[in-house]
């Protein structure tokens, strides 16, 4: 959230500031939901089927546990 706010507030690149304004607002509006989603998976073991060569889909899901945050990021 903080990087998005900083990019939205900077004045050197107006196009970038405009693009990140909506992202910063979305992150701010959904901060508590994102935090809850991230905290809810802490401390749980995850089977990603390997150590060096893991299952790609399982690893991807484990590394991106917040559907709300993923939606905001994917919408960029």
PDB file of N, CA and C in Angstrom:
ATOM      1  N   UNK A   1       0.817  -1.179   0.000  1.00  0.00           N
ATOM      2  CA  UNK A   1       0.000   0.000   0.000  1.00  0.00           C
ATOM      3  C   UNK A   1       0.866   1.250   0.000  1.00  0.00           C
ATOM      4  N   UNK A   2       1.946   1.207   0.749  1.00  0.00           N
ATOM      5  CA  UNK A   2       2.756   2.413   0.886  1.00  0.00           C
ATOM      6  C   UNK A   2       3.453   2.789  -0.412  1.00  0.00           C
ATOM      7  N   UNK A   3       3.893   1.782  -1.175  1.00  0.00           N
ATOM      8  CA  UNK A   3       4.533   2.090  -2.451  1.00  0.00           C
ATOM      9  C   UNK A   3       3.529   2.698  -3.411  1.00  0.00           C
ATOM     10  N   UNK A   4       2.297   2.233  -3.398  1.00  0.00           N
ATOM     11  CA  UNK A   4       1.259   2.764  -4.278  1.00  0.00           C
ATOM     12  C   UNK A   4       0.925   4.203  -3.884  1.00  0.00           C
ATOM     13  N   UNK A   5       0.859   4.462  -2.590  1.00  0.00           N
ATOM     14  CA  UNK A   5       0.596   5.823  -2.123  1.00  0.00           C
ATOM     15  C   UNK A   5       1.733   6.761  -2.526  1.00  0.00           C
ATOM     16  N   UNK A   6       2.967   6.290  -2.405  1.00  0.00           N
ATOM     17  CA  UNK A   6       4.115   7.116  -2.769  1.00  0.00           C
ATOM     18  C   UNK A   6       4.125   7.414  -4.267  1.00  0.00           C
ATOM     19  N   UNK A   7       3.815   6.414  -5.075  1.00  0.00           N
ATOM     20  CA  UNK A   7       3.782   6.633  -6.519  1.00  0.00           C
ATOM     21  C   UNK A   7       2.630   7.560  -6.909  1.00  0.00           C
ATOM     22  N   UNK A   8       1.510   7.467  -6.225  1.00  0.00           N
ATOM     23  CA  UNK A   8       0.380   8.345  -6.506  1.00  0.00           C
ATOM     24  C   UNK A   8       0.664   9.782  -6.082  1.00  0.00           C
ATOM     25  N   UNK A   9       1.489   9.958  -5.059  1.00  0.00           N
ATOM     26  CA  UNK A   9       1.772  11.287  -4.526  1.00  0.00           C
ATOM     27  C   UNK A   9       2.931  11.993  -5.227  1.00  0.00           C
ATOM     28  N   UNK A  10       3.757  11.228  -5.936  1.00  0.00           N
ATOM     29  CA  UNK A  10       4.924  11.852  -6.572  1.00  0.00           C
ATOM     30  C   UNK A  10       4.473  12.784  -7.701  1.00  0.00           C
ATOM     31  N   UNK A  11       5.300  13.767  -8.022  1.00  0.00           N
ATOM     32  CA  UNK A  11       4.924  14.782  -9.012  1.00  0.00           C
ATOM     33  C   UNK A  11       5.806  14.785 -10.255  1.00  0.00           C
ATOM     34  N   UNK A  12       6.757  13.887 -10.362  1.00  0.00           N
ATOM     35  CA  UNK A  12       7.649  13.863 -11.528  1.00  0.00           C
ATOM     36  C   UNK A  12       6.996  13.225 -12.750  1.00  0.00           C
ATOM     37  N   UNK A  13       6.050  12.328 -12.544  1.00  0.00           N
ATOM     38  CA  UNK A  13       5.389  11.629 -13.645  1.00  0.00           C
ATOM     39  C   UNK A  13       3.884  11.623 -13.393  1.00  0.00           C
ATOM     40  N   UNK A  14       3.179  12.542 -14.050  1.00  0.00           N
ATOM     41  CA  UNK A  14       1.743  12.708 -13.816  1.00  0.00           C
ATOM     42  C   UNK A  14       0.948  11.477 -14.252  1.00  0.00           C
ATOM     43  N   UNK A  15       1.349  10.832 -15.336  1.00  0.00           N
ATOM     44  CA  UNK A  15       0.641   9.635 -15.796  1.00  0.00           C
ATOM     45  C   UNK A  15       0.738   8.509 -14.769  1.00  0.00           C
ATOM     46  N   UNK A  16       1.931   8.337 -14.217  1.00  0.00           N
ATOM     47  CA  UNK A  16       2.123   7.299 -13.200  1.00  0.00           C
ATOM     48  C   UNK A  16       1.312   7.628 -11.949  1.00  0.00           C
ATOM     49  N   UNK A  17       1.321   8.886 -11.554  1.00  0.00           N
ATOM     50  CA  UNK A  17       0.555   9.286 -10.375  1.00  0.00           C
ATOM     51  C   UNK A  17      -0.928   9.008 -10.572  1.00  0.00           C
ATOM     52  N   UNK A  18      -1.434   9.305 -11.759  1.00  0.00           N
ATOM     53  CA  UNK A  18      -2.851   9.067 -12.033  1.00  0.00           C
ATOM     54  C   UNK A  18      -3.174   7.573 -12.010  1.00  0.00           C
ATOM     55  N   UNK A  19      -2.292   6.764 -12.583  1.00  0.00           N
ATOM     56  CA  UNK A  19      -2.527   5.323 -12.612  1.00  0.00           C
ATOM     57  C   UNK A  19      -2.514   4.726 -11.216  1.00  0.00           C
ATOM     58  N   UNK A  20      -1.593   5.162 -10.370  1.00  0.00           N
ATOM     59  CA  UNK A  20      -1.466   4.569  -9.042  1.00  0.00           C
ATOM     60  C   UNK A  20      -2.423   5.167  -8.016  1.00  0.00           C
ATOM     61  N   UNK A  21      -3.093   6.255  -8.362  1.00  0.00           N
ATOM     62  CA  UNK A  21      -4.054   6.842  -7.431  1.00  0.00           C
ATOM     63  C   UNK A  21      -5.178   5.853  -7.133  1.00  0.00           C
ATOM     64  N   UNK A  22      -5.736   5.234  -8.171  1.00  0.00           N
ATOM     65  CA  UNK A  22      -6.835   4.293  -7.955  1.00  0.00           C
ATOM     66  C   UNK A  22      -6.360   3.025  -7.251  1.00  0.00           C
ATOM     67  N   UNK A  23      -5.131   2.608  -7.536  1.00  0.00           N
ATOM     68  CA  UNK A  23      -4.577   1.421  -6.877  1.00  0.00           C
ATOM     69  C   UNK A  23      -4.371   1.703  -5.395  1.00  0.00           C
ATOM     70  N   UNK A  24      -3.811   2.866  -5.075  1.00  0.00           N
ATOM     71  CA  UNK A  24      -3.595   3.243  -3.679  1.00  0.00           C
ATOM     72  C   UNK A  24      -4.924   3.331  -2.932  1.00  0.00           C
ATOM     73  N   UNK A  25      -5.944   3.885  -3.590  1.00  0.00           N
ATOM     74  CA  UNK A  25      -7.260   3.989  -2.955  1.00  0.00           C
ATOM     75  C   UNK A  25      -7.866   2.610  -2.706  1.00  0.00           C
ATOM     76  N   UNK A  26      -7.732   1.721  -3.688  1.00  0.00           N
ATOM     77  CA  UNK A  26      -8.278   0.362  -3.526  1.00  0.00           C
ATOM     78  C   UNK A  26      -7.569  -0.372  -2.396  1.00  0.00           C
ATOM     79  N   UNK A  27      -6.245  -0.249  -2.331  1.00  0.00           N
ATOM     80  CA  UNK A  27      -5.497  -0.901  -1.254  1.00  0.00           C
ATOM     81  C   UNK A  27      -5.898  -0.333   0.099  1.00  0.00           C
ATOM     82  N   UNK A  28      -6.061   0.967   0.171  1.00  0.00           N
ATOM     83  CA  UNK A  28      -6.459   1.608   1.420  1.00  0.00           C
ATOM     84  C   UNK A  28      -7.874   1.184   1.828  1.00  0.00           C
ATOM     85  N   UNK A  29      -8.783   1.149   0.868  1.00  0.00           N
ATOM     86  CA  UNK A  29     -10.173   0.779   1.159  1.00  0.00           C
ATOM     87  C   UNK A  29     -10.307  -0.664   1.636  1.00  0.00           C
ATOM     88  N   UNK A  30      -9.425  -1.546   1.177  1.00  0.00           N
ATOM     89  CA  UNK A  30      -9.519  -2.972   1.495  1.00  0.00           C
ATOM     90  C   UNK A  30      -8.411  -3.452   2.435  1.00  0.00           C
ATOM     91  N   UNK A  31      -7.737  -2.523   3.094  1.00  0.00           N
ATOM     92  CA  UNK A  31      -6.599  -2.875   3.950  1.00  0.00           C
ATOM     93  C   UNK A  31      -6.956  -3.913   5.011  1.00  0.00           C
ATOM     94  N   UNK A  32      -8.059  -3.749   5.703  1.00  0.00           N
ATOM     95  CA  UNK A  32      -8.391  -4.685   6.783  1.00  0.00           C
ATOM     96  C   UNK A  32      -8.717  -6.077   6.235  1.00  0.00           C
ATOM     97  N   UNK A  33      -9.381  -6.147   5.108  1.00  0.00           N
ATOM     98  CA  UNK A  33      -9.685  -7.445   4.494  1.00  0.00           C
ATOM     99  C   UNK A  33      -8.407  -8.143   4.052  1.00  0.00           C
ATOM    100  N   UNK A  34      -7.513  -7.401   3.412  1.00  0.00           N
ATOM    101  CA  UNK A  34      -6.238  -7.965   2.963  1.00  0.00           C
ATOM    102  C   UNK A  34      -5.439  -8.471   4.165  1.00  0.00           C
ATOM    103  N   UNK A  35      -5.373  -7.677   5.216  1.00  0.00           N
ATOM    104  CA  UNK A  35      -4.654  -8.100   6.420  1.00  0.00           C
ATOM    105  C   UNK A  35      -5.253  -9.373   7.008  1.00  0.00           C
ATOM    106  N   UNK A  36      -6.575  -9.445   7.081  1.00  0.00           N
ATOM    107  CA  UNK A  36      -7.231 -10.643   7.610  1.00  0.00           C
ATOM    108  C   UNK A  36      -6.898 -11.872   6.765  1.00  0.00           C
ATOM    109  N   UNK A  37      -6.930 -11.712   5.439  1.00  0.00           N
ATOM    110  CA  UNK A  37      -6.639 -12.838   4.554  1.00  0.00           C
ATOM    111  C   UNK A  37      -5.190 -13.304   4.709  1.00  0.00           C
ATOM    112  N   UNK A  38      -4.260 -12.375   4.854  1.00  0.00           N
ATOM    113  CA  UNK A  38      -2.852 -12.739   5.014  1.00  0.00           C
ATOM    114  C   UNK A  38      -2.578 -13.351   6.385  1.00  0.00           C
ATOM    115  N   UNK A  39      -3.172 -12.788   7.419  1.00  0.00           N
ATOM    116  CA  UNK A  39      -2.961 -13.294   8.785  1.00  0.00           C
ATOM    117  C   UNK A  39      -3.581 -14.678   8.955  1.00  0.00           C
ATOM    118  N   UNK A  40      -4.691 -14.937   8.281  1.00  0.00           N
ATOM    119  CA  UNK A  40      -5.391 -16.210   8.468  1.00  0.00           C
ATOM    120  C   UNK A  40      -4.580 -17.414   7.993  1.00  0.00           C
ATOM    121  N   UNK A  41      -3.597 -17.223   7.146  1.00  0.00           N
ATOM    122  CA  UNK A  41      -2.803 -18.352   6.641  1.00  0.00           C
ATOM    123  C   UNK A  41      -1.448 -18.478   7.332  1.00  0.00           C
ATOM    124  N   UNK A  42      -1.136 -17.573   8.235  1.00  0.00           N
ATOM    125  CA  UNK A  42       0.147 -17.610   8.924  1.00  0.00           C
ATOM    126  C   UNK A  42       0.240 -18.828   9.831  1.00  0.00           C
ATOM    127  N   UNK A  43       1.387 -19.479   9.818  1.00  0.00           N
ATOM    128  CA  UNK A  43       1.644 -20.591  10.711  1.00  0.00           C
ATOM    129  C   UNK A  43       1.126 -21.926  10.219  1.00  0.00           C
ATOM    130  N   UNK A  44       0.480 -21.953   9.074  1.00  0.00           N
ATOM    131  CA  UNK A  44      -0.039 -23.204   8.532  1.00  0.00           C
ATOM    132  C   UNK A  44       0.972 -23.792   7.557  1.00  0.00           C
ATOM    133  N   UNK A  45       1.197 -25.085   7.653  1.00  0.00           N
ATOM    134  CA  UNK A  45       2.101 -25.720   6.695  1.00  0.00           C
ATOM    135  C   UNK A  45       1.378 -25.877   5.359  1.00  0.00           C
ATOM    136  N   UNK A  46       2.165 -25.848   4.284  1.00  0.00           N
ATOM    137  CA  UNK A  46       1.614 -25.945   2.943  1.00  0.00           C
ATOM    138  C   UNK A  46       2.396 -27.000   2.176  1.00  0.00           C
ATOM    139  N   UNK A  47       1.690 -27.929   1.564  1.00  0.00           N
ATOM    140  CA  UNK A  47       2.333 -28.951   0.743  1.00  0.00           C
ATOM    141  C   UNK A  47       2.434 -28.422  -0.689  1.00  0.00           C
ATOM    142  N   UNK A  48       3.662 -28.103  -1.111  1.00  0.00           N
ATOM    143  CA  UNK A  48       3.878 -27.630  -2.479  1.00  0.00           C
ATOM    144  C   UNK A  48       4.581 -28.701  -3.322  1.00  0.00           C
ATOM    145  N   UNK A  49       4.591 -29.920  -2.784  1.00  0.00           N
ATOM    146  CA  UNK A  49       5.101 -31.106  -3.476  1.00  0.00           C
ATOM    147  C   UNK A  49       6.557 -30.971  -3.928  1.00  0.00           C
ATOM    148  N   UNK A  50       7.393 -30.616  -3.004  1.00  0.00           N
ATOM    149  CA  UNK A  50       8.808 -30.582  -3.342  1.00  0.00           C
ATOM    150  C   UNK A  50       9.550 -29.497  -2.596  1.00  0.00           C
ATOM    151  N   UNK A  51      10.853 -29.430  -2.854  1.00  0.00           N
ATOM    152  CA  UNK A  51      11.697 -28.424  -2.237  1.00  0.00           C
ATOM    153  C   UNK A  51      12.305 -27.535  -3.308  1.00  0.00           C
ATOM    154  N   UNK A  52      13.011 -28.137  -4.242  1.00  0.00           N
ATOM    155  CA  UNK A  52      13.602 -27.365  -5.338  1.00  0.00           C
ATOM    156  C   UNK A  52      12.677 -27.313  -6.540  1.00  0.00           C
ATOM    157  N   UNK A  53      12.041 -28.411  -6.829  1.00  0.00           N
ATOM    158  CA  UNK A  53      11.140 -28.502  -7.971  1.00  0.00           C
ATOM    159  C   UNK A  53       9.732 -28.720  -7.435  1.00  0.00           C
ATOM    160  N   UNK A  54       9.019 -27.635  -7.238  1.00  0.00           N
ATOM    161  CA  UNK A  54       7.695 -27.701  -6.617  1.00  0.00           C
ATOM    162  C   UNK A  54       6.596 -27.701  -7.671  1.00  0.00           C
ATOM    163  N   UNK A  55       5.394 -28.017  -7.235  1.00  0.00           N
ATOM    164  CA  UNK A  55       4.224 -27.907  -8.094  1.00  0.00           C
ATOM    165  C   UNK A  55       3.927 -26.420  -8.287  1.00  0.00           C
ATOM    166  N   UNK A  56       3.954 -25.977  -9.515  1.00  0.00           N
ATOM    167  CA  UNK A  56       3.805 -24.551  -9.821  1.00  0.00           C
ATOM    168  C   UNK A  56       2.484 -23.984  -9.323  1.00  0.00           C
ATOM    169  N   UNK A  57       1.382 -24.665  -9.558  1.00  0.00           N
ATOM    170  CA  UNK A  57       0.078 -24.151  -9.146  1.00  0.00           C
ATOM    171  C   UNK A  57      -0.057 -24.063  -7.630  1.00  0.00           C
ATOM    172  N   UNK A  58       0.433 -25.078  -6.927  1.00  0.00           N
ATOM    173  CA  UNK A  58       0.361 -25.063  -5.461  1.00  0.00           C
ATOM    174  C   UNK A  58       1.264 -23.980  -4.880  1.00  0.00           C
ATOM    175  N   UNK A  59       2.444 -23.805  -5.455  1.00  0.00           N
ATOM    176  CA  UNK A  59       3.362 -22.767  -4.991  1.00  0.00           C
ATOM    177  C   UNK A  59       2.760 -21.385  -5.231  1.00  0.00           C
ATOM    178  N   UNK A  60       2.191 -21.177  -6.395  1.00  0.00           N
ATOM    179  CA  UNK A  60       1.565 -19.903  -6.743  1.00  0.00           C
ATOM    180  C   UNK A  60       0.433 -19.579  -5.768  1.00  0.00           C
ATOM    181  N   UNK A  61      -0.401 -20.565  -5.474  1.00  0.00           N
ATOM    182  CA  UNK A  61      -1.511 -20.354  -4.547  1.00  0.00           C
ATOM    183  C   UNK A  61      -1.024 -20.044  -3.136  1.00  0.00           C
ATOM    184  N   UNK A  62       0.045 -20.727  -2.709  1.00  0.00           N
ATOM    185  CA  UNK A  62       0.577 -20.505  -1.362  1.00  0.00           C
ATOM    186  C   UNK A  62       1.218 -19.128  -1.231  1.00  0.00           C
ATOM    187  N   UNK A  63       1.803 -18.635  -2.297  1.00  0.00           N
ATOM    188  CA  UNK A  63       2.499 -17.351  -2.257  1.00  0.00           C
ATOM    189  C   UNK A  63       1.563 -16.163  -2.448  1.00  0.00           C
ATOM    190  N   UNK A  64       0.319 -16.426  -2.857  1.00  0.00           N
ATOM    191  CA  UNK A  64      -0.650 -15.350  -3.085  1.00  0.00           C
ATOM    192  C   UNK A  64      -1.962 -15.677  -2.379  1.00  0.00           C
ATOM    193  N   UNK A  65      -1.973 -15.674  -1.030  1.00  0.00           N
ATOM    194  CA  UNK A  65      -3.147 -16.135  -0.290  1.00  0.00           C
ATOM    195  C   UNK A  65      -4.291 -15.124  -0.175  1.00  0.00           C
ATOM    196  N   UNK A  66      -4.094 -13.888  -0.593  1.00  0.00           N
ATOM    197  CA  UNK A  66      -5.147 -12.875  -0.457  1.00  0.00           C
ATOM    198  C   UNK A  66      -5.839 -12.640  -1.796  1.00  0.00           C
ATOM    199  N   UNK A  67      -7.064 -13.114  -1.917  1.00  0.00           N
ATOM    200  CA  UNK A  67      -7.827 -12.914  -3.157  1.00  0.00           C
ATOM    201  C   UNK A  67      -8.069 -11.435  -3.420  1.00  0.00           C
ATOM    202  N   UNK A  68      -8.278 -10.663  -2.359  1.00  0.00           N
ATOM    203  CA  UNK A  68      -8.534  -9.243  -2.505  1.00  0.00           C
ATOM    204  C   UNK A  68      -7.303  -8.526  -3.051  1.00  0.00           C
ATOM    205  N   UNK A  69      -6.147  -8.783  -2.467  1.00  0.00           N
ATOM    206  CA  UNK A  69      -4.906  -8.175  -2.943  1.00  0.00           C
ATOM    207  C   UNK A  69      -4.597  -8.634  -4.361  1.00  0.00           C
ATOM    208  N   UNK A  70      -4.784  -9.921  -4.634  1.00  0.00           N
ATOM    209  CA  UNK A  70      -4.527 -10.441  -5.973  1.00  0.00           C
ATOM    210  C   UNK A  70      -5.389  -9.735  -7.016  1.00  0.00           C
ATOM    211  N   UNK A  71      -6.642  -9.491  -6.689  1.00  0.00           N
ATOM    212  CA  UNK A  71      -7.531  -8.809  -7.618  1.00  0.00           C
ATOM    213  C   UNK A  71      -7.066  -7.404  -7.938  1.00  0.00           C
ATOM    214  N   UNK A  72      -6.585  -6.705  -6.928  1.00  0.00           N
ATOM    215  CA  UNK A  72      -6.090  -5.337  -7.132  1.00  0.00           C
ATOM    216  C   UNK A  72      -4.820  -5.363  -7.973  1.00  0.00           C
ATOM    217  N   UNK A  73      -3.904  -6.251  -7.649  1.00  0.00           N
ATOM    218  CA  UNK A  73      -2.630  -6.352  -8.381  1.00  0.00           C
ATOM    219  C   UNK A  73      -2.876  -6.795  -9.828  1.00  0.00           C
ATOM    220  N   UNK A  74      -3.725  -7.794 -10.010  1.00  0.00           N
ATOM    221  CA  UNK A  74      -3.992  -8.303 -11.346  1.00  0.00           C
ATOM    222  C   UNK A  74      -4.702  -7.279 -12.222  1.00  0.00           C
ATOM    223  N   UNK A  75      -5.392  -6.331 -11.599  1.00  0.00           N
ATOM    224  CA  UNK A  75      -6.084  -5.296 -12.339  1.00  0.00           C
ATOM    225  C   UNK A  75      -5.203  -4.141 -12.777  1.00  0.00           C
ATOM    226  N   UNK A  76      -3.947  -4.208 -12.414  1.00  0.00           N
ATOM    227  CA  UNK A  76      -3.027  -3.108 -12.776  1.00  0.00           C
ATOM    228  C   UNK A  76      -2.736  -3.101 -14.250  1.00  0.00           C
TER     229      UNK A  76
END
